[in-house]
Amino acid sequence: VALGGGDSAVLSNVIDELVRFRTKVRHYALALPEEAAEAVPMEGAAGPKGPKQEQKERRRQLMQERKPLLEACDNLRGELAAFGIHIK
């Protein structure tokens, strides 16, 4: 409950902060670290796989590790939608 009857302004600010937080978490979860994107394997380190295949595998591994963050973002969006707040 906001003092001074500014409930709608406070609610709007809270929603804005939630959306900003969710956006930051999603950007982090979807980002590929620079060192993985720029890494050039040392001679013989790539084995039978090429550098591009290793990048794809690293990205797949990162996405698997970060999947709970993305699911949490989706859950937040779903829970807010139940209150009539839609994040696009």
PDB file of N, CA and C in Angstrom:
ATOM      1  N   VAL A   1       0.856  -1.170   0.000  1.00  0.00           N
ATOM      2  CA  VAL A   1       0.000   0.000   0.000  1.00  0.00           C
ATOM      3  C   VAL A   1       0.900   1.231   0.000  1.00  0.00           C
ATOM      4  N   ALA A   2       0.654   2.112  -0.941  1.00  0.00           N
ATOM      5  CA  ALA A   2       1.461   3.328  -1.039  1.00  0.00           C
ATOM      6  C   ALA A   2       0.860   4.428  -0.185  1.00  0.00           C
ATOM      7  N   LEU A   3       1.720   5.205   0.438  1.00  0.00           N
ATOM      8  CA  LEU A   3       1.247   6.354   1.204  1.00  0.00           C
ATOM      9  C   LEU A   3       0.803   7.447   0.238  1.00  0.00           C
ATOM     10  N   GLY A   4      -0.211   8.159   0.577  1.00  0.00           N
ATOM     11  CA  GLY A   4      -0.667   9.276  -0.236  1.00  0.00           C
ATOM     12  C   GLY A   4      -1.575   8.874  -1.384  1.00  0.00           C
ATOM     13  N   GLY A   5      -2.009   7.645  -1.420  1.00  0.00           N
ATOM     14  CA  GLY A   5      -2.968   7.222  -2.437  1.00  0.00           C
ATOM     15  C   GLY A   5      -2.396   7.092  -3.839  1.00  0.00           C
ATOM     16  N   GLY A   6      -1.106   6.954  -3.985  1.00  0.00           N
ATOM     17  CA  GLY A   6      -0.504   6.830  -5.310  1.00  0.00           C
ATOM     18  C   GLY A   6      -0.347   5.384  -5.740  1.00  0.00           C
ATOM     19  N   ASP A   7      -1.334   4.558  -5.417  1.00  0.00           N
ATOM     20  CA  ASP A   7      -1.236   3.126  -5.704  1.00  0.00           C
ATOM     21  C   ASP A   7      -0.969   2.826  -7.172  1.00  0.00           C
ATOM     22  N   SER A   8      -1.653   3.491  -8.086  1.00  0.00           N
ATOM     23  CA  SER A   8      -1.484   3.151  -9.502  1.00  0.00           C
ATOM     24  C   SER A   8      -0.094   3.545 -10.001  1.00  0.00           C
ATOM     25  N   ALA A   9       0.458   4.636  -9.505  1.00  0.00           N
ATOM     26  CA  ALA A   9       1.806   5.042  -9.901  1.00  0.00           C
ATOM     27  C   ALA A   9       2.831   4.064  -9.357  1.00  0.00           C
ATOM     28  N   VAL A  10       2.646   3.634  -8.114  1.00  0.00           N
ATOM     29  CA  VAL A  10       3.566   2.670  -7.510  1.00  0.00           C
ATOM     30  C   VAL A  10       3.474   1.343  -8.251  1.00  0.00           C
ATOM     31  N   LEU A  11       2.264   0.897  -8.523  1.00  0.00           N
ATOM     32  CA  LEU A  11       2.079  -0.352  -9.255  1.00  0.00           C
ATOM     33  C   LEU A  11       2.732  -0.275 -10.629  1.00  0.00           C
ATOM     34  N   SER A  12       2.583   0.815 -11.304  1.00  0.00           N
ATOM     35  CA  SER A  12       3.196   1.005 -12.611  1.00  0.00           C
ATOM     36  C   SER A  12       4.716   0.925 -12.514  1.00  0.00           C
ATOM     37  N   ASN A  13       5.282   1.550 -11.496  1.00  0.00           N
ATOM     38  CA  ASN A  13       6.738   1.491 -11.297  1.00  0.00           C
ATOM     39  C   ASN A  13       7.208   0.076 -10.984  1.00  0.00           C
ATOM     40  N   VAL A  14       6.441  -0.650 -10.175  1.00  0.00           N
ATOM     41  CA  VAL A  14       6.793  -2.032  -9.842  1.00  0.00           C
ATOM     42  C   VAL A  14       6.761  -2.889 -11.103  1.00  0.00           C
ATOM     43  N   ILE A  15       5.752  -2.721 -11.920  1.00  0.00           N
ATOM     44  CA  ILE A  15       5.652  -3.478 -13.164  1.00  0.00           C
ATOM     45  C   ILE A  15       6.817  -3.145 -14.083  1.00  0.00           C
ATOM     46  N   ASP A  16       7.153  -1.881 -14.201  1.00  0.00           N
ATOM     47  CA  ASP A  16       8.290  -1.476 -15.031  1.00  0.00           C
ATOM     48  C   ASP A  16       9.586  -2.135 -14.551  1.00  0.00           C
ATOM     49  N   GLU A  17       9.784  -2.170 -13.249  1.00  0.00           N
ATOM     50  CA  GLU A  17      10.990  -2.798 -12.692  1.00  0.00           C
ATOM     51  C   GLU A  17      10.995  -4.299 -12.949  1.00  0.00           C
ATOM     52  N   LEU A  18       9.842  -4.946 -12.804  1.00  0.00           N
ATOM     53  CA  LEU A  18       9.751  -6.375 -13.097  1.00  0.00           C
ATOM     54  C   LEU A  18      10.095  -6.665 -14.560  1.00  0.00           C
ATOM     55  N   VAL A  19       9.577  -5.850 -15.455  1.00  0.00           N
ATOM     56  CA  VAL A  19       9.850  -6.036 -16.880  1.00  0.00           C
ATOM     57  C   VAL A  19      11.338  -5.818 -17.165  1.00  0.00           C
ATOM     58  N   ARG A  20      11.936  -4.789 -16.567  1.00  0.00           N
ATOM     59  CA  ARG A  20      13.379  -4.548 -16.763  1.00  0.00           C
ATOM     60  C   ARG A  20      14.204  -5.720 -16.236  1.00  0.00           C
ATOM     61  N   PHE A  21      13.840  -6.211 -15.060  1.00  0.00           N
ATOM     62  CA  PHE A  21      14.559  -7.335 -14.475  1.00  0.00           C
ATOM     63  C   PHE A  21      14.445  -8.566 -15.370  1.00  0.00           C
ATOM     64  N   ARG A  22      13.241  -8.855 -15.821  1.00  0.00           N
ATOM     65  CA  ARG A  22      13.015 -10.017 -16.684  1.00  0.00           C
ATOM     66  C   ARG A  22      13.820  -9.892 -17.969  1.00  0.00           C
ATOM     67  N   THR A  23      13.860  -8.703 -18.539  1.00  0.00           N
ATOM     68  CA  THR A  23      14.609  -8.474 -19.775  1.00  0.00           C
ATOM     69  C   THR A  23      16.101  -8.718 -19.561  1.00  0.00           C
ATOM     70  N   LYS A  24      16.645  -8.217 -18.452  1.00  0.00           N
ATOM     71  CA  LYS A  24      18.067  -8.430 -18.159  1.00  0.00           C
ATOM     72  C   LYS A  24      18.378  -9.910 -17.976  1.00  0.00           C
ATOM     73  N   VAL A  25      17.514 -10.616 -17.260  1.00  0.00           N
ATOM     74  CA  VAL A  25      17.736 -12.047 -17.042  1.00  0.00           C
ATOM     75  C   VAL A  25      17.690 -12.802 -18.365  1.00  0.00           C
ATOM     76  N   ARG A  26      16.722 -12.473 -19.216  1.00  0.00           N
ATOM     77  CA  ARG A  26      16.624 -13.137 -20.522  1.00  0.00           C
ATOM     78  C   ARG A  26      17.844 -12.843 -21.388  1.00  0.00           C
ATOM     79  N   HIS A  27      18.292 -11.600 -21.406  1.00  0.00           N
ATOM     80  CA  HIS A  27      19.475 -11.263 -22.204  1.00  0.00           C
ATOM     81  C   HIS A  27      20.700 -12.029 -21.710  1.00  0.00           C
ATOM     82  N   TYR A  28      20.837 -12.137 -20.405  1.00  0.00           N
ATOM     83  CA  TYR A  28      21.951 -12.914 -19.856  1.00  0.00           C
ATOM     84  C   TYR A  28      21.827 -14.378 -20.268  1.00  0.00           C
ATOM     85  N   ALA A  29      20.633 -14.931 -20.099  1.00  0.00           N
ATOM     86  CA  ALA A  29      20.429 -16.353 -20.373  1.00  0.00           C
ATOM     87  C   ALA A  29      20.649 -16.695 -21.844  1.00  0.00           C
ATOM     88  N   LEU A  30      20.392 -15.753 -22.730  1.00  0.00           N
ATOM     89  CA  LEU A  30      20.531 -16.014 -24.163  1.00  0.00           C
ATOM     90  C   LEU A  30      21.892 -15.612 -24.720  1.00  0.00           C
ATOM     91  N   ALA A  31      22.704 -14.927 -23.918  1.00  0.00           N
ATOM     92  CA  ALA A  31      23.992 -14.427 -24.398  1.00  0.00           C
ATOM     93  C   ALA A  31      25.025 -15.546 -24.459  1.00  0.00           C
ATOM     94  N   LEU A  32      25.832 -15.478 -25.484  1.00  0.00           N
ATOM     95  CA  LEU A  32      26.958 -16.388 -25.611  1.00  0.00           C
ATOM     96  C   LEU A  32      28.189 -15.628 -25.145  1.00  0.00           C
ATOM     97  N   PRO A  33      28.925 -16.172 -24.176  1.00  0.00           N
ATOM     98  CA  PRO A  33      30.102 -15.444 -23.696  1.00  0.00           C
ATOM     99  C   PRO A  33      31.058 -15.120 -24.832  1.00  0.00           C
ATOM    100  N   GLU A  34      31.664 -13.947 -24.753  1.00  0.00           N
ATOM    101  CA  GLU A  34      32.575 -13.486 -25.813  1.00  0.00           C
ATOM    102  C   GLU A  34      33.720 -14.464 -26.030  1.00  0.00           C
ATOM    103  N   GLU A  35      34.259 -14.992 -24.933  1.00  0.00           N
ATOM    104  CA  GLU A  35      35.390 -15.878 -25.108  1.00  0.00           C
ATOM    105  C   GLU A  35      35.004 -17.142 -25.867  1.00  0.00           C
ATOM    106  N   ALA A  36      33.777 -17.608 -25.731  1.00  0.00           N
ATOM    107  CA  ALA A  36      33.350 -18.792 -26.470  1.00  0.00           C
ATOM    108  C   ALA A  36      33.133 -18.451 -27.937  1.00  0.00           C
ATOM    109  N   ALA A  37      32.628 -17.249 -28.210  1.00  0.00           N
ATOM    110  CA  ALA A  37      32.367 -16.853 -29.588  1.00  0.00           C
ATOM    111  C   ALA A  37      33.659 -16.555 -30.332  1.00  0.00           C
ATOM    112  N   GLU A  38      34.667 -16.044 -29.600  1.00  0.00           N
ATOM    113  CA  GLU A  38      35.906 -15.630 -30.245  1.00  0.00           C
ATOM    114  C   GLU A  38      37.015 -16.672 -30.136  1.00  0.00           C
ATOM    115  N   ALA A  39      36.763 -17.730 -29.391  1.00  0.00           N
ATOM    116  CA  ALA A  39      37.817 -18.708 -29.132  1.00  0.00           C
ATOM    117  C   ALA A  39      38.255 -19.383 -30.426  1.00  0.00           C
ATOM    118  N   VAL A  40      39.545 -19.469 -30.562  1.00  0.00           N
ATOM    119  CA  VAL A  40      40.124 -20.200 -31.679  1.00  0.00           C
ATOM    120  C   VAL A  40      40.830 -21.389 -31.061  1.00  0.00           C
ATOM    121  N   PRO A  41      40.392 -22.604 -31.380  1.00  0.00           N
ATOM    122  CA  PRO A  41      40.994 -23.766 -30.746  1.00  0.00           C
ATOM    123  C   PRO A  41      42.476 -23.885 -31.084  1.00  0.00           C
ATOM    124  N   MET A  42      43.234 -24.359 -30.112  1.00  0.00           N
ATOM    125  CA  MET A  42      44.654 -24.571 -30.339  1.00  0.00           C
ATOM    126  C   MET A  42      44.820 -25.752 -31.274  1.00  0.00           C
ATOM    127  N   GLU A  43      45.960 -25.840 -31.913  1.00  0.00           N
ATOM    128  CA  GLU A  43      46.219 -26.900 -32.879  1.00  0.00           C
ATOM    129  C   GLU A  43      46.006 -28.256 -32.227  1.00  0.00           C
ATOM    130  N   GLY A  44      45.182 -29.073 -32.865  1.00  0.00           N
ATOM    131  CA  GLY A  44      44.899 -30.399 -32.353  1.00  0.00           C
ATOM    132  C   GLY A  44      43.826 -30.430 -31.284  1.00  0.00           C
ATOM    133  N   ALA A  45      43.420 -29.294 -30.755  1.00  0.00           N
ATOM    134  CA  ALA A  45      42.426 -29.280 -29.674  1.00  0.00           C
ATOM    135  C   ALA A  45      41.026 -29.544 -30.189  1.00  0.00           C
ATOM    136  N   ALA A  46      40.786 -29.242 -31.456  1.00  0.00           N
ATOM    137  CA  ALA A  46      39.444 -29.403 -32.002  1.00  0.00           C
ATOM    138  C   ALA A  46      39.110 -30.859 -32.245  1.00  0.00           C
ATOM    139  N   GLY A  47      40.104 -31.719 -32.381  1.00  0.00           N
ATOM    140  CA  GLY A  47      39.828 -33.119 -32.657  1.00  0.00           C
ATOM    141  C   GLY A  47      39.126 -33.245 -33.987  1.00  0.00           C
ATOM    142  N   PRO A  48      38.210 -34.210 -34.101  1.00  0.00           N
ATOM    143  CA  PRO A  48      37.516 -34.393 -35.370  1.00  0.00           C
ATOM    144  C   PRO A  48      36.474 -33.311 -35.650  1.00  0.00           C
ATOM    145  N   LYS A  49      36.121 -32.524 -34.652  1.00  0.00           N
ATOM    146  CA  LYS A  49      35.103 -31.479 -34.816  1.00  0.00           C
ATOM    147  C   LYS A  49      35.792 -30.166 -35.159  1.00  0.00           C
ATOM    148  N   GLY A  50      35.138 -29.361 -35.977  1.00  0.00           N
ATOM    149  CA  GLY A  50      35.663 -28.047 -36.313  1.00  0.00           C
ATOM    150  C   GLY A  50      35.271 -27.025 -35.277  1.00  0.00           C
ATOM    151  N   PRO A  51      35.863 -25.829 -35.373  1.00  0.00           N
ATOM    152  CA  PRO A  51      35.557 -24.757 -34.406  1.00  0.00           C
ATOM    153  C   PRO A  51      34.079 -24.377 -34.394  1.00  0.00           C
ATOM    154  N   LYS A  52      33.445 -24.361 -35.557  1.00  0.00           N
ATOM    155  CA  LYS A  52      32.024 -23.975 -35.593  1.00  0.00           C
ATOM    156  C   LYS A  52      31.166 -25.009 -34.875  1.00  0.00           C
ATOM    157  N   GLN A  53      31.491 -26.275 -35.044  1.00  0.00           N
ATOM    158  CA  GLN A  53      30.739 -27.331 -34.363  1.00  0.00           C
ATOM    159  C   GLN A  53      30.925 -27.206 -32.848  1.00  0.00           C
ATOM    160  N   GLU A  54      32.137 -26.897 -32.415  1.00  0.00           N
ATOM    161  CA  GLU A  54      32.382 -26.723 -30.980  1.00  0.00           C
ATOM    162  C   GLU A  54      31.614 -25.523 -30.435  1.00  0.00           C
ATOM    163  N   GLN A  55      31.531 -24.447 -31.215  1.00  0.00           N
ATOM    164  CA  GLN A  55      30.752 -23.277 -30.780  1.00  0.00           C
ATOM    165  C   GLN A  55      29.286 -23.651 -30.630  1.00  0.00           C
ATOM    166  N   LYS A  56      28.763 -24.418 -31.592  1.00  0.00           N
ATOM    167  CA  LYS A  56      27.362 -24.842 -31.511  1.00  0.00           C
ATOM    168  C   LYS A  56      27.128 -25.697 -30.275  1.00  0.00           C
ATOM    169  N   GLU A  57      28.052 -26.604 -30.007  1.00  0.00           N
ATOM    170  CA  GLU A  57      27.900 -27.466 -28.837  1.00  0.00           C
ATOM    171  C   GLU A  57      28.000 -26.660 -27.548  1.00  0.00           C
ATOM    172  N   ARG A  58      28.903 -25.693 -27.507  1.00  0.00           N
ATOM    173  CA  ARG A  58      29.048 -24.833 -26.318  1.00  0.00           C
ATOM    174  C   ARG A  58      27.784 -24.015 -26.096  1.00  0.00           C
ATOM    175  N   ARG A  59      27.234 -23.476 -27.184  1.00  0.00           N
ATOM    176  CA  ARG A  59      25.989 -22.702 -27.065  1.00  0.00           C
ATOM    177  C   ARG A  59      24.844 -23.592 -26.581  1.00  0.00           C
ATOM    178  N   ARG A  60      24.758 -24.816 -27.112  1.00  0.00           N
ATOM    179  CA  ARG A  60      23.714 -25.743 -26.689  1.00  0.00           C
ATOM    180  C   ARG A  60      23.857 -26.053 -25.199  1.00  0.00           C
ATOM    181  N   GLN A  61      25.095 -26.261 -24.742  1.00  0.00           N
ATOM    182  CA  GLN A  61      25.348 -26.535 -23.336  1.00  0.00           C
ATOM    183  C   GLN A  61      24.949 -25.334 -22.467  1.00  0.00           C
ATOM    184  N   LEU A  62      25.316 -24.128 -22.899  1.00  0.00           N
ATOM    185  CA  LEU A  62      24.956 -22.927 -22.138  1.00  0.00           C
ATOM    186  C   LEU A  62      23.439 -22.764 -22.063  1.00  0.00           C
ATOM    187  N   MET A  63      22.765 -23.005 -23.179  1.00  0.00           N
ATOM    188  CA  MET A  63      21.307 -22.862 -23.179  1.00  0.00           C
ATOM    189  C   MET A  63      20.666 -23.875 -22.241  1.00  0.00           C
ATOM    190  N   GLN A  64      21.233 -25.080 -22.187  1.00  0.00           N
ATOM    191  CA  GLN A  64      20.705 -26.094 -21.277  1.00  0.00           C
ATOM    192  C   GLN A  64      20.910 -25.663 -19.824  1.00  0.00           C
ATOM    193  N   GLU A  65      22.096 -25.112 -19.525  1.00  0.00           N
ATOM    194  CA  GLU A  65      22.390 -24.655 -18.162  1.00  0.00           C
ATOM    195  C   GLU A  65      21.510 -23.474 -17.765  1.00  0.00           C
ATOM    196  N   ARG A  66      21.204 -22.626 -18.720  1.00  0.00           N
ATOM    197  CA  ARG A  66      20.439 -21.405 -18.428  1.00  0.00           C
ATOM    198  C   ARG A  66      18.941 -21.569 -18.635  1.00  0.00           C
ATOM    199  N   LYS A  67      18.519 -22.744 -19.024  1.00  0.00           N
ATOM    200  CA  LYS A  67      17.094 -22.992 -19.267  1.00  0.00           C
ATOM    201  C   LYS A  67      16.220 -22.637 -18.064  1.00  0.00           C
ATOM    202  N   PRO A  68      16.642 -22.937 -16.830  1.00  0.00           N
ATOM    203  CA  PRO A  68      15.801 -22.547 -15.684  1.00  0.00           C
ATOM    204  C   PRO A  68      15.552 -21.038 -15.601  1.00  0.00           C
ATOM    205  N   LEU A  69      16.531 -20.226 -15.999  1.00  0.00           N
ATOM    206  CA  LEU A  69      16.328 -18.772 -16.000  1.00  0.00           C
ATOM    207  C   LEU A  69      15.255 -18.381 -17.006  1.00  0.00           C
ATOM    208  N   LEU A  70      15.322 -18.966 -18.194  1.00  0.00           N
ATOM    209  CA  LEU A  70      14.324 -18.652 -19.216  1.00  0.00           C
ATOM    210  C   LEU A  70      12.938 -19.129 -18.788  1.00  0.00           C
ATOM    211  N   GLU A  71      12.881 -20.298 -18.156  1.00  0.00           N
ATOM    212  CA  GLU A  71      11.594 -20.799 -17.668  1.00  0.00           C
ATOM    213  C   GLU A  71      11.030 -19.887 -16.579  1.00  0.00           C
ATOM    214  N   ALA A  72      11.909 -19.385 -15.711  1.00  0.00           N
ATOM    215  CA  ALA A  72      11.451 -18.462 -14.662  1.00  0.00           C
ATOM    216  C   ALA A  72      10.890 -17.179 -15.271  1.00  0.00           C
ATOM    217  N   CYS A  73      11.545 -16.680 -16.329  1.00  0.00           N
ATOM    218  CA  CYS A  73      11.043 -15.484 -17.021  1.00  0.00           C
ATOM    219  C   CYS A  73       9.670 -15.748 -17.626  1.00  0.00           C
ATOM    220  N   ASP A  74       9.525 -16.911 -18.254  1.00  0.00           N
ATOM    221  CA  ASP A  74       8.236 -17.257 -18.848  1.00  0.00           C
ATOM    222  C   ASP A  74       7.164 -17.425 -17.772  1.00  0.00           C
ATOM    223  N   ASN A  75       7.533 -18.026 -16.643  1.00  0.00           N
ATOM    224  CA  ASN A  75       6.577 -18.186 -15.546  1.00  0.00           C
ATOM    225  C   ASN A  75       6.122 -16.837 -15.007  1.00  0.00           C
ATOM    226  N   LEU A  76       7.073 -15.912 -14.845  1.00  0.00           N
ATOM    227  CA  LEU A  76       6.715 -14.574 -14.378  1.00  0.00           C
ATOM    228  C   LEU A  76       5.740 -13.921 -15.347  1.00  0.00           C
ATOM    229  N   ARG A  77       6.032 -14.029 -16.632  1.00  0.00           N
ATOM    230  CA  ARG A  77       5.141 -13.443 -17.633  1.00  0.00           C
ATOM    231  C   ARG A  77       3.746 -14.062 -17.531  1.00  0.00           C
ATOM    232  N   GLY A  78       3.689 -15.371 -17.367  1.00  0.00           N
ATOM    233  CA  GLY A  78       2.396 -16.051 -17.241  1.00  0.00           C
ATOM    234  C   GLY A  78       1.646 -15.651 -15.989  1.00  0.00           C
ATOM    235  N   GLU A  79       2.361 -15.540 -14.880  1.00  0.00           N
ATOM    236  CA  GLU A  79       1.716 -15.158 -13.627  1.00  0.00           C
ATOM    237  C   GLU A  79       1.199 -13.725 -13.672  1.00  0.00           C
ATOM    238  N   LEU A  80       1.960 -12.834 -14.285  1.00  0.00           N
ATOM    239  CA  LEU A  80       1.492 -11.446 -14.417  1.00  0.00           C
ATOM    240  C   LEU A  80       0.283 -11.372 -15.363  1.00  0.00           C
ATOM    241  N   ALA A  81       0.277 -12.205 -16.389  1.00  0.00           N
ATOM    242  CA  ALA A  81      -0.854 -12.216 -17.330  1.00  0.00           C
ATOM    243  C   ALA A  81      -2.148 -12.589 -16.606  1.00  0.00           C
ATOM    244  N   ALA A  82      -2.050 -13.435 -15.604  1.00  0.00           N
ATOM    245  CA  ALA A  82      -3.233 -13.809 -14.830  1.00  0.00           C
ATOM    246  C   ALA A  82      -3.831 -12.602 -14.106  1.00  0.00           C
ATOM    247  N   PHE A  83      -3.019 -11.570 -13.884  1.00  0.00           N
ATOM    248  CA  PHE A  83      -3.498 -10.343 -13.241  1.00  0.00           C
ATOM    249  C   PHE A  83      -3.808  -9.256 -14.267  1.00  0.00           C
ATOM    250  N   GLY A  84      -3.794  -9.616 -15.548  1.00  0.00           N
ATOM    251  CA  GLY A  84      -4.097  -8.650 -16.595  1.00  0.00           C
ATOM    252  C   GLY A  84      -2.909  -7.814 -17.029  1.00  0.00           C
ATOM    253  N   ILE A  85      -1.693  -8.237 -16.672  1.00  0.00           N
ATOM    254  CA  ILE A  85      -0.482  -7.528 -17.057  1.00  0.00           C
ATOM    255  C   ILE A  85       0.217  -8.367 -18.120  1.00  0.00           C
ATOM    256  N   HIS A  86       0.289  -7.862 -19.328  1.00  0.00           N
ATOM    257  CA  HIS A  86       0.851  -8.630 -20.442  1.00  0.00           C
ATOM    258  C   HIS A  86       2.186  -8.037 -20.875  1.00  0.00           C
ATOM    259  N   ILE A  87       3.217  -8.880 -20.889  1.00  0.00           N
ATOM    260  CA  ILE A  87       4.551  -8.482 -21.324  1.00  0.00           C
ATOM    261  C   ILE A  87       4.749  -9.043 -22.721  1.00  0.00           C
ATOM    262  N   LYS A  88       5.073  -8.151 -23.646  1.00  0.00           N
ATOM    263  CA  LYS A  88       5.281  -8.608 -25.028  1.00  0.00           C
ATOM    264  C   LYS A  88       6.748  -8.661 -25.333  1.00  0.00           C
TER     265      LYS A  88
END
